[in-house]
Amino acid sequence: MKKLFSVLVIAGMAALVACGPSAEEIAAKAKATADSLKAIATADSLKAVATADSIAVAEKAKAIEDSIAAATPKKK
């Protein structure tokens, strides 16, 4: 009985090890992770550029408003 149980335990362990991910699956998962990180970095870069552009536009609009305000005579 002990030998049968030992054989079944060893067979079960071998089956679990055989069901693990292959080298191709591990490489594919690593590539997918790297691609995701690259996409996040690209999105962050684009967001930073868009934010900088928005700030520049807002500063230009404020400068125009200030110039108009300075050029317009004030009512008494």
C-alpha atoms as a PDB file:
ATOM      1  CA  MET A   1       0.000   0.000   0.000  1.00  0.00           C
ATOM      2  CA  LYS A   2       2.838   2.390   0.823  1.00  0.00           C
ATOM      3  CA  LYS A   3       4.477   1.692  -2.535  1.00  0.00           C
ATOM      4  CA  LEU A   4       1.233   2.351  -4.388  1.00  0.00           C
ATOM      5  CA  PHE A   5       0.739   5.623  -2.523  1.00  0.00           C
ATOM      6  CA  SER A   6       4.335   6.653  -3.242  1.00  0.00           C
ATOM      7  CA  VAL A   7       3.935   5.853  -6.927  1.00  0.00           C
ATOM      8  CA  LEU A   8       0.710   7.868  -7.082  1.00  0.00           C
ATOM      9  CA  VAL A   9       2.319  10.840  -5.300  1.00  0.00           C
ATOM     10  CA  ILE A  10       5.314  10.776  -7.641  1.00  0.00           C
ATOM     11  CA  ALA A  11       3.027  10.486 -10.687  1.00  0.00           C
ATOM     12  CA  GLY A  12       0.947  13.406  -9.421  1.00  0.00           C
ATOM     13  CA  MET A  13       4.028  15.561  -8.896  1.00  0.00           C
ATOM     14  CA  ALA A  14       5.296  14.697 -12.378  1.00  0.00           C
ATOM     15  CA  ALA A  15       1.914  15.656 -13.843  1.00  0.00           C
ATOM     16  CA  LEU A  16       1.989  19.028 -12.058  1.00  0.00           C
ATOM     17  CA  VAL A  17       5.511  19.769 -13.264  1.00  0.00           C
ATOM     18  CA  ALA A  18       4.576  18.794 -16.824  1.00  0.00           C
ATOM     19  CA  CYS A  19       1.642  21.224 -16.775  1.00  0.00           C
ATOM     20  CA  GLY A  20       3.867  24.232 -16.054  1.00  0.00           C
ATOM     21  CA  PRO A  21       4.476  26.961 -18.637  1.00  0.00           C
ATOM     22  CA  SER A  22       6.872  26.232 -21.465  1.00  0.00           C
ATOM     23  CA  ALA A  23       9.837  28.451 -22.315  1.00  0.00           C
ATOM     24  CA  GLU A  24       7.823  29.910 -25.212  1.00  0.00           C
ATOM     25  CA  GLU A  25       4.941  30.821 -22.911  1.00  0.00           C
ATOM     26  CA  ILE A  26       7.311  32.439 -20.418  1.00  0.00           C
ATOM     27  CA  ALA A  27       8.970  34.438 -23.222  1.00  0.00           C
ATOM     28  CA  ALA A  28       5.578  35.497 -24.606  1.00  0.00           C
ATOM     29  CA  LYS A  29       4.464  36.676 -21.162  1.00  0.00           C
ATOM     30  CA  ALA A  30       7.702  38.638 -20.690  1.00  0.00           C
ATOM     31  CA  LYS A  31       7.266  40.250 -24.140  1.00  0.00           C
ATOM     32  CA  ALA A  32       3.658  41.166 -23.355  1.00  0.00           C
ATOM     33  CA  THR A  33       4.756  42.769 -20.082  1.00  0.00           C
ATOM     34  CA  ALA A  34       7.514  44.719 -21.852  1.00  0.00           C
ATOM     35  CA  ASP A  35       5.060  45.861 -24.538  1.00  0.00           C
ATOM     36  CA  SER A  36       2.603  47.017 -21.875  1.00  0.00           C
ATOM     37  CA  LEU A  37       5.295  48.991 -20.062  1.00  0.00           C
ATOM     38  CA  LYS A  38       6.393  50.571 -23.343  1.00  0.00           C
ATOM     39  CA  ALA A  39       2.793  51.558 -24.130  1.00  0.00           C
ATOM     40  CA  ILE A  40       2.409  53.111 -20.676  1.00  0.00           C
ATOM     41  CA  ALA A  41       5.661  55.050 -21.083  1.00  0.00           C
ATOM     42  CA  THR A  42       4.530  56.309 -24.498  1.00  0.00           C
ATOM     43  CA  ALA A  43       1.155  57.375 -23.116  1.00  0.00           C
ATOM     44  CA  ASP A  44       2.850  59.195 -20.234  1.00  0.00           C
ATOM     45  CA  SER A  45       5.172  60.983 -22.677  1.00  0.00           C
ATOM     46  CA  LEU A  46       2.259  62.051 -24.865  1.00  0.00           C
ATOM     47  CA  LYS A  47       0.354  63.265 -21.820  1.00  0.00           C
ATOM     48  CA  ALA A  48       3.361  65.319 -20.700  1.00  0.00           C
ATOM     49  CA  VAL A  49       3.688  66.881 -24.155  1.00  0.00           C
ATOM     50  CA  ALA A  50      -0.031  67.653 -24.298  1.00  0.00           C
ATOM     51  CA  THR A  51       0.120  69.219 -20.844  1.00  0.00           C
ATOM     52  CA  ALA A  52       3.110  71.361 -21.826  1.00  0.00           C
ATOM     53  CA  ASP A  53       1.301  72.435 -24.992  1.00  0.00           C
ATOM     54  CA  SER A  54      -1.814  73.334 -23.005  1.00  0.00           C
ATOM     55  CA  ILE A  55       0.232  75.397 -20.585  1.00  0.00           C
ATOM     56  CA  ALA A  56       1.955  77.198 -23.462  1.00  0.00           C
ATOM     57  CA  VAL A  57      -1.396  77.993 -25.096  1.00  0.00           C
ATOM     58  CA  ALA A  58      -2.826  79.244 -21.820  1.00  0.00           C
ATOM     59  CA  GLU A  59       0.226  81.446 -21.202  1.00  0.00           C
ATOM     60  CA  LYS A  60      -0.025  82.885 -24.716  1.00  0.00           C
ATOM     61  CA  ALA A  61      -3.730  83.615 -24.260  1.00  0.00           C
ATOM     62  CA  LYS A  62      -3.004  85.299 -20.917  1.00  0.00           C
ATOM     63  CA  ALA A  63      -0.268  87.405 -22.546  1.00  0.00           C
ATOM     64  CA  ILE A  64      -2.716  88.505 -25.269  1.00  0.00           C
ATOM     65  CA  GLU A  65      -5.348  89.394 -22.674  1.00  0.00           C
ATOM     66  CA  ASP A  66      -2.772  91.367 -20.688  1.00  0.00           C
ATOM     67  CA  SER A  67      -1.677  93.222 -23.827  1.00  0.00           C
ATOM     68  CA  ILE A  68      -5.278  94.104 -24.699  1.00  0.00           C
ATOM     69  CA  ALA A  69      -5.930  95.221 -21.145  1.00  0.00           C
ATOM     70  CA  ALA A  70      -2.808  97.391 -21.150  1.00  0.00           C
ATOM     71  CA  ALA A  71      -3.666  98.934 -24.529  1.00  0.00           C
ATOM     72  CA  THR A  72      -7.296  99.646 -23.679  1.00  0.00           C
ATOM     73  CA  PRO A  73      -7.836 103.001 -21.975  1.00  0.00           C
ATOM     74  CA  LYS A  74      -9.552 102.701 -18.628  1.00  0.00           C
ATOM     75  CA  LYS A  75     -12.929 104.379 -18.096  1.00  0.00           C
ATOM     76  CA  LYS A  76     -13.191 106.858 -15.295  1.00  0.00           C
END
